[in-house]
PDB file of N, CA and C in Angstrom:
ATOM      1  N   UNK A   1     -20.960  -0.825  18.384  1.00  0.00           N
ATOM      2  CA  UNK A   1     -20.413  -0.021  16.926  1.00  0.00           C
ATOM      3  C   UNK A   1     -20.433  -1.756  16.142  1.00  0.00           C
ATOM      4  N   UNK A   2     -20.975  -1.829  15.328  1.00  0.00           N
ATOM      5  CA  UNK A   2     -21.020  -3.187  14.222  1.00  0.00           C
ATOM      6  C   UNK A   2     -19.638  -3.159  13.536  1.00  0.00           C
ATOM      7  N   UNK A   3     -19.118  -4.144  13.788  1.00  0.00           N
ATOM      8  CA  UNK A   3     -18.091  -4.549  12.671  1.00  0.00           C
ATOM      9  C   UNK A   3     -18.370  -4.813  11.417  1.00  0.00           C
ATOM     10  N   UNK A   4     -17.876  -4.155  10.472  1.00  0.00           N
ATOM     11  CA  UNK A   4     -18.274  -4.389   8.865  1.00  0.00           C
ATOM     12  C   UNK A   4     -17.775  -5.879   8.631  1.00  0.00           C
ATOM     13  N   UNK A   5     -18.709  -6.377   7.716  1.00  0.00           N
ATOM     14  CA  UNK A   5     -18.198  -7.789   7.204  1.00  0.00           C
ATOM     15  C   UNK A   5     -16.975  -7.738   6.273  1.00  0.00           C
ATOM     16  N   UNK A   6     -16.409  -8.786   6.079  1.00  0.00           N
ATOM     17  CA  UNK A   6     -15.116  -8.885   5.230  1.00  0.00           C
ATOM     18  C   UNK A   6     -15.602  -8.463   3.768  1.00  0.00           C
ATOM     19  N   UNK A   7     -16.567  -8.877   3.304  1.00  0.00           N
ATOM     20  CA  UNK A   7     -16.980  -8.613   2.062  1.00  0.00           C
ATOM     21  C   UNK A   7     -17.171  -7.073   1.784  1.00  0.00           C
ATOM     22  N   UNK A   8     -17.607  -6.480   2.745  1.00  0.00           N
ATOM     23  CA  UNK A   8     -17.936  -5.165   2.821  1.00  0.00           C
ATOM     24  C   UNK A   8     -16.569  -4.287   2.744  1.00  0.00           C
ATOM     25  N   UNK A   9     -15.678  -4.817   3.467  1.00  0.00           N
ATOM     26  CA  UNK A   9     -14.507  -4.201   3.993  1.00  0.00           C
ATOM     27  C   UNK A   9     -13.628  -4.458   2.333  1.00  0.00           C
ATOM     28  N   UNK A  10     -13.787  -5.519   1.811  1.00  0.00           N
ATOM     29  CA  UNK A  10     -13.218  -5.670   0.582  1.00  0.00           C
ATOM     30  C   UNK A  10     -13.659  -4.817  -0.513  1.00  0.00           C
ATOM     31  N   UNK A  11     -15.026  -4.812  -0.686  1.00  0.00           N
ATOM     32  CA  UNK A  11     -15.633  -3.889  -1.578  1.00  0.00           C
ATOM     33  C   UNK A  11     -15.170  -2.620  -1.319  1.00  0.00           C
ATOM     34  N   UNK A  12     -15.096  -1.970  -0.380  1.00  0.00           N
ATOM     35  CA  UNK A  12     -14.642  -0.561  -0.097  1.00  0.00           C
ATOM     36  C   UNK A  12     -13.252  -0.391  -0.560  1.00  0.00           C
ATOM     37  N   UNK A  13     -12.213  -1.283  -0.164  1.00  0.00           N
ATOM     38  CA  UNK A  13     -11.173  -1.202  -0.681  1.00  0.00           C
ATOM     39  C   UNK A  13     -10.854  -1.410  -1.966  1.00  0.00           C
ATOM     40  N   UNK A  14     -11.570  -2.212  -2.863  1.00  0.00           N
ATOM     41  CA  UNK A  14     -11.543  -2.280  -4.096  1.00  0.00           C
ATOM     42  C   UNK A  14     -12.020  -1.217  -4.880  1.00  0.00           C
ATOM     43  N   UNK A  15     -13.194  -0.542  -4.282  1.00  0.00           N
ATOM     44  CA  UNK A  15     -13.746   0.741  -4.924  1.00  0.00           C
ATOM     45  C   UNK A  15     -12.651   1.762  -4.757  1.00  0.00           C
ATOM     46  N   UNK A  16     -11.915   2.038  -3.524  1.00  0.00           N
ATOM     47  CA  UNK A  16     -11.228   3.056  -3.419  1.00  0.00           C
ATOM     48  C   UNK A  16      -9.772   2.875  -4.373  1.00  0.00           C
ATOM     49  N   UNK A  17      -9.305   1.598  -4.188  1.00  0.00           N
ATOM     50  CA  UNK A  17      -8.293   1.384  -5.325  1.00  0.00           C
ATOM     51  C   UNK A  17      -8.445   1.811  -6.774  1.00  0.00           C
ATOM     52  N   UNK A  18      -9.571   1.255  -7.196  1.00  0.00           N
ATOM     53  CA  UNK A  18      -9.980   1.277  -8.629  1.00  0.00           C
ATOM     54  C   UNK A  18     -10.346   2.780  -9.085  1.00  0.00           C
ATOM     55  N   UNK A  19     -11.478   3.276  -8.152  1.00  0.00           N
ATOM     56  CA  UNK A  19     -12.031   4.588  -8.792  1.00  0.00           C
ATOM     57  C   UNK A  19     -11.366   5.718  -7.982  1.00  0.00           C
ATOM     58  N   UNK A  20     -10.597   5.799  -6.878  1.00  0.00           N
ATOM     59  CA  UNK A  20      -9.973   6.923  -6.485  1.00  0.00           C
ATOM     60  C   UNK A  20      -8.400   6.904  -6.998  1.00  0.00           C
ATOM     61  N   UNK A  21      -7.795   5.845  -6.858  1.00  0.00           N
ATOM     62  CA  UNK A  21      -6.409   5.690  -7.239  1.00  0.00           C
ATOM     63  C   UNK A  21      -6.203   5.293  -8.609  1.00  0.00           C
ATOM     64  N   UNK A  22      -7.321   4.952  -9.214  1.00  0.00           N
ATOM     65  CA  UNK A  22      -7.061   4.382 -10.668  1.00  0.00           C
ATOM     66  C   UNK A  22      -6.103   3.271 -10.865  1.00  0.00           C
ATOM     67  N   UNK A  23      -5.822   2.298 -10.014  1.00  0.00           N
ATOM     68  CA  UNK A  23      -4.799   1.054  -9.924  1.00  0.00           C
ATOM     69  C   UNK A  23      -5.493  -0.179 -10.683  1.00  0.00           C
ATOM     70  N   UNK A  24      -4.975  -0.627 -11.759  1.00  0.00           N
ATOM     71  CA  UNK A  24      -5.436  -1.730 -12.617  1.00  0.00           C
ATOM     72  C   UNK A  24      -5.736  -2.861 -11.883  1.00  0.00           C
ATOM     73  N   UNK A  25      -7.137  -3.266 -12.401  1.00  0.00           N
ATOM     74  CA  UNK A  25      -7.243  -4.643 -11.765  1.00  0.00           C
ATOM     75  C   UNK A  25      -6.195  -5.624 -11.926  1.00  0.00           C
ATOM     76  N   UNK A  26      -5.425  -5.705 -12.907  1.00  0.00           N
ATOM     77  CA  UNK A  26      -4.127  -6.478 -12.899  1.00  0.00           C
ATOM     78  C   UNK A  26      -3.192  -6.547 -11.976  1.00  0.00           C
ATOM     79  N   UNK A  27      -3.031  -5.216 -11.415  1.00  0.00           N
ATOM     80  CA  UNK A  27      -2.247  -4.904 -10.332  1.00  0.00           C
ATOM     81  C   UNK A  27      -2.738  -5.467  -8.843  1.00  0.00           C
ATOM     82  N   UNK A  28      -4.195  -5.259  -8.945  1.00  0.00           N
ATOM     83  CA  UNK A  28      -4.886  -5.560  -7.660  1.00  0.00           C
ATOM     84  C   UNK A  28      -4.817  -7.158  -7.294  1.00  0.00           C
ATOM     85  N   UNK A  29      -5.069  -7.761  -8.645  1.00  0.00           N
ATOM     86  CA  UNK A  29      -5.201  -9.214  -8.504  1.00  0.00           C
ATOM     87  C   UNK A  29      -3.801  -9.935  -8.296  1.00  0.00           C
ATOM     88  N   UNK A  30      -2.688  -9.181  -8.381  1.00  0.00           N
ATOM     89  CA  UNK A  30      -1.039  -9.663  -8.047  1.00  0.00           C
ATOM     90  C   UNK A  30      -1.273  -9.515  -6.507  1.00  0.00           C
ATOM     91  N   UNK A  31      -1.964  -8.731  -6.013  1.00  0.00           N
ATOM     92  CA  UNK A  31      -1.948  -8.678  -4.312  1.00  0.00           C
ATOM     93  C   UNK A  31      -3.075  -8.556  -3.551  1.00  0.00           C
ATOM     94  N   UNK A  32      -4.078  -9.831  -3.648  1.00  0.00           N
ATOM     95  CA  UNK A  32      -5.329  -9.859  -3.026  1.00  0.00           C
ATOM     96  C   UNK A  32      -5.043  -9.373  -1.538  1.00  0.00           C
ATOM     97  N   UNK A  33      -4.347  -9.393  -0.983  1.00  0.00           N
ATOM     98  CA  UNK A  33      -4.242  -9.029   0.410  1.00  0.00           C
ATOM     99  C   UNK A  33      -4.500  -7.397   0.578  1.00  0.00           C
ATOM    100  N   UNK A  34      -4.245  -6.711  -0.267  1.00  0.00           N
ATOM    101  CA  UNK A  34      -4.523  -5.340  -0.320  1.00  0.00           C
ATOM    102  C   UNK A  34      -6.033  -5.083  -0.159  1.00  0.00           C
ATOM    103  N   UNK A  35      -6.799  -6.198  -0.217  1.00  0.00           N
ATOM    104  CA  UNK A  35      -8.249  -6.019  -0.036  1.00  0.00           C
ATOM    105  C   UNK A  35      -8.651  -6.096   1.111  1.00  0.00           C
ATOM    106  N   UNK A  36      -7.650  -6.555   2.299  1.00  0.00           N
ATOM    107  CA  UNK A  36      -8.131  -6.982   3.616  1.00  0.00           C
ATOM    108  C   UNK A  36      -7.891  -6.065   4.686  1.00  0.00           C
ATOM    109  N   UNK A  37      -7.311  -4.716   4.327  1.00  0.00           N
ATOM    110  CA  UNK A  37      -6.992  -3.630   5.215  1.00  0.00           C
ATOM    111  C   UNK A  37      -8.079  -2.659   4.876  1.00  0.00           C
ATOM    112  N   UNK A  38      -8.357  -1.878   6.037  1.00  0.00           N
ATOM    113  CA  UNK A  38      -9.317  -0.982   5.700  1.00  0.00           C
ATOM    114  C   UNK A  38      -9.098   0.290   4.807  1.00  0.00           C
ATOM    115  N   UNK A  39      -9.983   1.016   4.259  1.00  0.00           N
ATOM    116  CA  UNK A  39      -9.549   2.193   3.284  1.00  0.00           C
ATOM    117  C   UNK A  39      -8.927   3.192   3.973  1.00  0.00           C
ATOM    118  N   UNK A  40      -9.133   3.358   5.380  1.00  0.00           N
ATOM    119  CA  UNK A  40      -8.431   4.255   6.124  1.00  0.00           C
ATOM    120  C   UNK A  40      -6.877   4.168   6.334  1.00  0.00           C
ATOM    121  N   UNK A  41      -6.393   2.804   6.405  1.00  0.00           N
ATOM    122  CA  UNK A  41      -5.144   2.577   6.421  1.00  0.00           C
ATOM    123  C   UNK A  41      -4.506   2.765   5.128  1.00  0.00           C
ATOM    124  N   UNK A  42      -5.270   1.907   4.062  1.00  0.00           N
ATOM    125  CA  UNK A  42      -4.556   2.257   2.721  1.00  0.00           C
ATOM    126  C   UNK A  42      -4.327   3.558   2.357  1.00  0.00           C
ATOM    127  N   UNK A  43      -5.359   4.595   2.497  1.00  0.00           N
ATOM    128  CA  UNK A  43      -5.173   5.820   2.085  1.00  0.00           C
ATOM    129  C   UNK A  43      -3.944   6.515   3.021  1.00  0.00           C
ATOM    130  N   UNK A  44      -3.879   6.197   4.063  1.00  0.00           N
ATOM    131  CA  UNK A  44      -2.616   6.580   4.919  1.00  0.00           C
ATOM    132  C   UNK A  44      -1.573   6.228   4.484  1.00  0.00           C
ATOM    133  N   UNK A  45      -1.432   4.900   4.212  1.00  0.00           N
ATOM    134  CA  UNK A  45      -0.166   4.303   3.823  1.00  0.00           C
ATOM    135  C   UNK A  45       0.302   4.843   2.416  1.00  0.00           C
ATOM    136  N   UNK A  46      -0.935   4.972   1.433  1.00  0.00           N
ATOM    137  CA  UNK A  46      -0.633   5.255   0.047  1.00  0.00           C
ATOM    138  C   UNK A  46      -0.125   7.075  -0.055  1.00  0.00           C
ATOM    139  N   UNK A  47      -0.665   7.492   0.847  1.00  0.00           N
ATOM    140  CA  UNK A  47      -0.381   9.173   0.843  1.00  0.00           C
ATOM    141  C   UNK A  47       1.135   8.975   1.480  1.00  0.00           C
ATOM    142  N   UNK A  48       1.450   8.371   2.563  1.00  0.00           N
ATOM    143  CA  UNK A  48       2.745   8.259   3.040  1.00  0.00           C
ATOM    144  C   UNK A  48       3.751   8.100   1.972  1.00  0.00           C
ATOM    145  N   UNK A  49       3.815   7.096   1.384  1.00  0.00           N
ATOM    146  CA  UNK A  49       4.538   6.634   0.293  1.00  0.00           C
ATOM    147  C   UNK A  49       4.809   7.621  -0.799  1.00  0.00           C
ATOM    148  N   UNK A  50       3.606   8.294  -1.256  1.00  0.00           N
ATOM    149  CA  UNK A  50       3.558   9.304  -2.221  1.00  0.00           C
ATOM    150  C   UNK A  50       4.550  10.398  -1.582  1.00  0.00           C
ATOM    151  N   UNK A  51       4.624  10.647  -0.549  1.00  0.00           N
ATOM    152  CA  UNK A  51       5.410  11.729   0.314  1.00  0.00           C
ATOM    153  C   UNK A  51       6.943  11.374   0.252  1.00  0.00           C
ATOM    154  N   UNK A  52       7.131  10.112   0.124  1.00  0.00           N
ATOM    155  CA  UNK A  52       8.611   9.720  -0.085  1.00  0.00           C
ATOM    156  C   UNK A  52       9.138   9.738  -1.633  1.00  0.00           C
ATOM    157  N   UNK A  53      10.114   9.262  -1.922  1.00  0.00           N
ATOM    158  CA  UNK A  53      10.554   9.340  -3.329  1.00  0.00           C
ATOM    159  C   UNK A  53      10.348   7.813  -3.991  1.00  0.00           C
ATOM    160  N   UNK A  54       9.388   7.154  -3.733  1.00  0.00           N
ATOM    161  CA  UNK A  54       9.092   6.040  -3.834  1.00  0.00           C
ATOM    162  C   UNK A  54       8.426   6.200  -5.253  1.00  0.00           C
ATOM    163  N   UNK A  55       7.714   7.031  -5.251  1.00  0.00           N
ATOM    164  CA  UNK A  55       6.702   7.175  -6.900  1.00  0.00           C
ATOM    165  C   UNK A  55       5.530   6.436  -6.833  1.00  0.00           C
ATOM    166  N   UNK A  56       4.604   6.846  -7.523  1.00  0.00           N
ATOM    167  CA  UNK A  56       3.288   6.404  -7.667  1.00  0.00           C
ATOM    168  C   UNK A  56       3.241   5.127  -8.459  1.00  0.00           C
ATOM    169  N   UNK A  57       4.297   5.067  -9.253  1.00  0.00           N
ATOM    170  CA  UNK A  57       4.078   3.821 -10.327  1.00  0.00           C
ATOM    171  C   UNK A  57       4.892   2.735  -9.376  1.00  0.00           C
ATOM    172  N   UNK A  58       5.563   2.887  -8.491  1.00  0.00           N
ATOM    173  CA  UNK A  58       6.218   1.618  -7.824  1.00  0.00           C
ATOM    174  C   UNK A  58       5.200   1.204  -6.924  1.00  0.00           C
ATOM    175  N   UNK A  59       4.568   2.392  -6.285  1.00  0.00           N
ATOM    176  CA  UNK A  59       3.268   2.040  -5.090  1.00  0.00           C
ATOM    177  C   UNK A  59       2.201   0.933  -6.038  1.00  0.00           C
ATOM    178  N   UNK A  60       1.822   1.397  -7.162  1.00  0.00           N
ATOM    179  CA  UNK A  60       0.855   0.775  -7.960  1.00  0.00           C
ATOM    180  C   UNK A  60       1.117  -0.568  -8.255  1.00  0.00           C
ATOM    181  N   UNK A  61       2.465  -1.031  -8.563  1.00  0.00           N
ATOM    182  CA  UNK A  61       2.941  -2.344  -9.211  1.00  0.00           C
ATOM    183  C   UNK A  61       3.357  -2.861  -8.107  1.00  0.00           C
ATOM    184  N   UNK A  62       3.506  -2.402  -6.936  1.00  0.00           N
ATOM    185  CA  UNK A  62       4.026  -3.247  -5.509  1.00  0.00           C
ATOM    186  C   UNK A  62       3.129  -3.130  -4.501  1.00  0.00           C
ATOM    187  N   UNK A  63       1.703  -3.227  -4.648  1.00  0.00           N
ATOM    188  CA  UNK A  63       0.596  -3.207  -3.686  1.00  0.00           C
ATOM    189  C   UNK A  63       0.956  -3.876  -2.285  1.00  0.00           C
ATOM    190  N   UNK A  64       1.661  -4.986  -2.492  1.00  0.00           N
ATOM    191  CA  UNK A  64       2.094  -5.514  -1.175  1.00  0.00           C
ATOM    192  C   UNK A  64       2.632  -4.855  -0.170  1.00  0.00           C
ATOM    193  N   UNK A  65       3.081  -3.391  -0.302  1.00  0.00           N
ATOM    194  CA  UNK A  65       3.571  -2.811   0.668  1.00  0.00           C
ATOM    195  C   UNK A  65       2.435  -1.897   1.372  1.00  0.00           C
ATOM    196  N   UNK A  66       1.200  -1.866   0.952  1.00  0.00           N
ATOM    197  CA  UNK A  66       0.269  -1.137   1.372  1.00  0.00           C
ATOM    198  C   UNK A  66      -0.654  -1.715   2.561  1.00  0.00           C
ATOM    199  N   UNK A  67      -0.834  -3.201   2.491  1.00  0.00           N
ATOM    200  CA  UNK A  67      -1.752  -3.757   3.501  1.00  0.00           C
ATOM    201  C   UNK A  67      -1.033  -3.975   4.804  1.00  0.00           C
ATOM    202  N   UNK A  68      -0.533  -2.954   5.524  1.00  0.00           N
ATOM    203  CA  UNK A  68      -0.199  -3.177   6.809  1.00  0.00           C
ATOM    204  C   UNK A  68      -0.377  -1.760   7.507  1.00  0.00           C
ATOM    205  N   UNK A  69      -0.038  -1.987   8.978  1.00  0.00           N
ATOM    206  CA  UNK A  69      -0.482  -0.779   9.683  1.00  0.00           C
ATOM    207  C   UNK A  69       0.306   0.344   9.510  1.00  0.00           C
ATOM    208  N   UNK A  70      -0.322   1.627   9.329  1.00  0.00           N
ATOM    209  CA  UNK A  70       0.735   2.756   8.945  1.00  0.00           C
ATOM    210  C   UNK A  70       1.724   2.963   9.855  1.00  0.00           C
ATOM    211  N   UNK A  71       1.771   2.681  11.115  1.00  0.00           N
ATOM    212  CA  UNK A  71       3.020   2.785  11.820  1.00  0.00           C
ATOM    213  C   UNK A  71       3.988   1.968  11.628  1.00  0.00           C
ATOM    214  N   UNK A  72       3.673   0.514  11.166  1.00  0.00           N
ATOM    215  CA  UNK A  72       4.470  -0.321  10.850  1.00  0.00           C
ATOM    216  C   UNK A  72       5.256  -0.041   9.814  1.00  0.00           C
ATOM    217  N   UNK A  73       4.554   0.385   8.802  1.00  0.00           N
ATOM    218  CA  UNK A  73       5.138   0.891   7.400  1.00  0.00           C
ATOM    219  C   UNK A  73       5.910   1.995   7.429  1.00  0.00           C
ATOM    220  N   UNK A  74       5.589   3.002   8.340  1.00  0.00           N
ATOM    221  CA  UNK A  74       6.633   4.165   8.698  1.00  0.00           C
ATOM    222  C   UNK A  74       7.841   3.617   9.463  1.00  0.00           C
ATOM    223  N   UNK A  75       7.654   2.844  10.359  1.00  0.00           N
ATOM    224  CA  UNK A  75       8.958   2.259  10.902  1.00  0.00           C
ATOM    225  C   UNK A  75       9.879   1.562   9.868  1.00  0.00           C
ATOM    226  N   UNK A  76       9.377   0.898   9.308  1.00  0.00           N
ATOM    227  CA  UNK A  76       9.973  -0.102   8.217  1.00  0.00           C
ATOM    228  C   UNK A  76      10.648   0.864   7.289  1.00  0.00           C
ATOM    229  N   UNK A  77      10.034   1.931   6.816  1.00  0.00           N
ATOM    230  CA  UNK A  77      10.822   2.737   5.770  1.00  0.00           C
ATOM    231  C   UNK A  77      11.735   3.415   6.455  1.00  0.00           C
ATOM    232  N   UNK A  78      11.559   4.099   7.877  1.00  0.00           N
ATOM    233  CA  UNK A  78      12.432   4.859   8.377  1.00  0.00           C
ATOM    234  C   UNK A  78      13.881   3.979   8.695  1.00  0.00           C
ATOM    235  N   UNK A  79      13.512   2.803   9.203  1.00  0.00           N
ATOM    236  CA  UNK A  79      14.694   1.951   9.591  1.00  0.00           C
ATOM    237  C   UNK A  79      15.563   1.504   8.479  1.00  0.00           C
ATOM    238  N   UNK A  80      14.919   1.229   7.079  1.00  0.00           N
ATOM    239  CA  UNK A  80      15.778   1.119   6.000  1.00  0.00           C
ATOM    240  C   UNK A  80      16.640   2.273   5.447  1.00  0.00           C
ATOM    241  N   UNK A  81      15.663   3.492   5.539  1.00  0.00           N
ATOM    242  CA  UNK A  81      16.263   4.531   5.155  1.00  0.00           C
ATOM    243  C   UNK A  81      17.738   4.990   6.228  1.00  0.00           C
ATOM    244  N   UNK A  82      17.254   5.097   7.375  1.00  0.00           N
ATOM    245  CA  UNK A  82      18.684   5.297   8.327  1.00  0.00           C
ATOM    246  C   UNK A  82      19.596   4.091   8.245  1.00  0.00           C
ATOM    247  N   UNK A  83      19.495   3.024   8.261  1.00  0.00           N
ATOM    248  CA  UNK A  83      20.503   1.926   7.941  1.00  0.00           C
ATOM    249  C   UNK A  83      21.155   1.573   6.632  1.00  0.00           C
ATOM    250  N   UNK A  84      20.235   1.671   5.723  1.00  0.00           N
ATOM    251  CA  UNK A  84      20.589   1.487   4.395  1.00  0.00           C
ATOM    252  C   UNK A  84      20.567   2.743   3.108  1.00  0.00           C
ATOM    253  N   UNK A  85      20.035   3.496   3.405  1.00  0.00           N
ATOM    254  CA  UNK A  85      19.741   4.651   2.640  1.00  0.00           C
ATOM    255  C   UNK A  85      18.749   4.164   1.638  1.00  0.00           C
ATOM    256  N   UNK A  86      18.228   5.496   1.147  1.00  0.00           N
ATOM    257  CA  UNK A  86      17.120   5.455   0.231  1.00  0.00           C
ATOM    258  C   UNK A  86      17.216   4.687  -0.940  1.00  0.00           C
ATOM    259  N   UNK A  87      18.514   4.661  -1.373  1.00  0.00           N
ATOM    260  CA  UNK A  87      18.741   3.851  -2.635  1.00  0.00           C
ATOM    261  C   UNK A  87      18.349   2.429  -2.439  1.00  0.00           C
ATOM    262  N   UNK A  88      18.589   1.867  -1.481  1.00  0.00           N
ATOM    263  CA  UNK A  88      18.321   0.550  -1.146  1.00  0.00           C
ATOM    264  C   UNK A  88      16.983   0.226  -1.230  1.00  0.00           C
ATOM    265  N   UNK A  89      15.893   1.031  -0.444  1.00  0.00           N
ATOM    266  CA  UNK A  89      14.598   0.973  -0.414  1.00  0.00           C
ATOM    267  C   UNK A  89      14.031   0.931  -1.867  1.00  0.00           C
ATOM    268  N   UNK A  90      14.607   2.086  -2.503  1.00  0.00           N
ATOM    269  CA  UNK A  90      14.003   2.117  -4.024  1.00  0.00           C
ATOM    270  C   UNK A  90      14.125   1.008  -4.874  1.00  0.00           C
ATOM    271  N   UNK A  91      15.339   0.356  -4.656  1.00  0.00           N
ATOM    272  CA  UNK A  91      15.561  -0.828  -5.388  1.00  0.00           C
ATOM    273  C   UNK A  91      14.712  -2.032  -5.093  1.00  0.00           C
ATOM    274  N   UNK A  92      14.578  -2.114  -3.689  1.00  0.00           N
ATOM    275  CA  UNK A  92      13.668  -3.237  -3.136  1.00  0.00           C
ATOM    276  C   UNK A  92      12.246  -3.135  -3.515  1.00  0.00           C
ATOM    277  N   UNK A  93      11.665  -1.959  -3.366  1.00  0.00           N
ATOM    278  CA  UNK A  93      10.059  -1.731  -3.768  1.00  0.00           C
ATOM    279  C   UNK A  93       9.836  -2.501  -4.950  1.00  0.00           C
ATOM    280  N   UNK A  94      10.289  -2.356  -6.033  1.00  0.00           N
ATOM    281  CA  UNK A  94       9.884  -2.721  -7.467  1.00  0.00           C
ATOM    282  C   UNK A  94       9.907  -4.461  -7.261  1.00  0.00           C
ATOM    283  N   UNK A  95      10.873  -5.247  -6.463  1.00  0.00           N
ATOM    284  CA  UNK A  95      11.130  -6.460  -6.347  1.00  0.00           C
ATOM    285  C   UNK A  95      10.105  -7.087  -5.457  1.00  0.00           C
ATOM    286  N   UNK A  96       9.524  -6.365  -4.803  1.00  0.00           N
ATOM    287  CA  UNK A  96       8.313  -6.832  -3.780  1.00  0.00           C
ATOM    288  C   UNK A  96       7.004  -7.389  -4.569  1.00  0.00           C
ATOM    289  N   UNK A  97       6.902  -7.205  -5.678  1.00  0.00           N
ATOM    290  CA  UNK A  97       6.008  -7.417  -6.421  1.00  0.00           C
ATOM    291  C   UNK A  97       5.931  -8.957  -7.140  1.00  0.00           C
TER     292      UNK A  97
END
């Protein structure tokens, strides 16, 4: 199986963010690392975060929370939720941008 080139990966990620999620170019420019993760992981992370109380706007303006392995994101969320409560997580997410 051929490994996709970095440029192809970035183009797919950009297309997904702009066309499917309607995220502004300005928000993407603030977090270029979001282009270095596969679309499947972006989709999984985005959908997971939408299932929480984080809210679409916080996700869109804090894209830095998306480019990580889905399991790592879930574990971080669950750890913060269990040890500090959802209020802390909700306060921290907007400050990550």
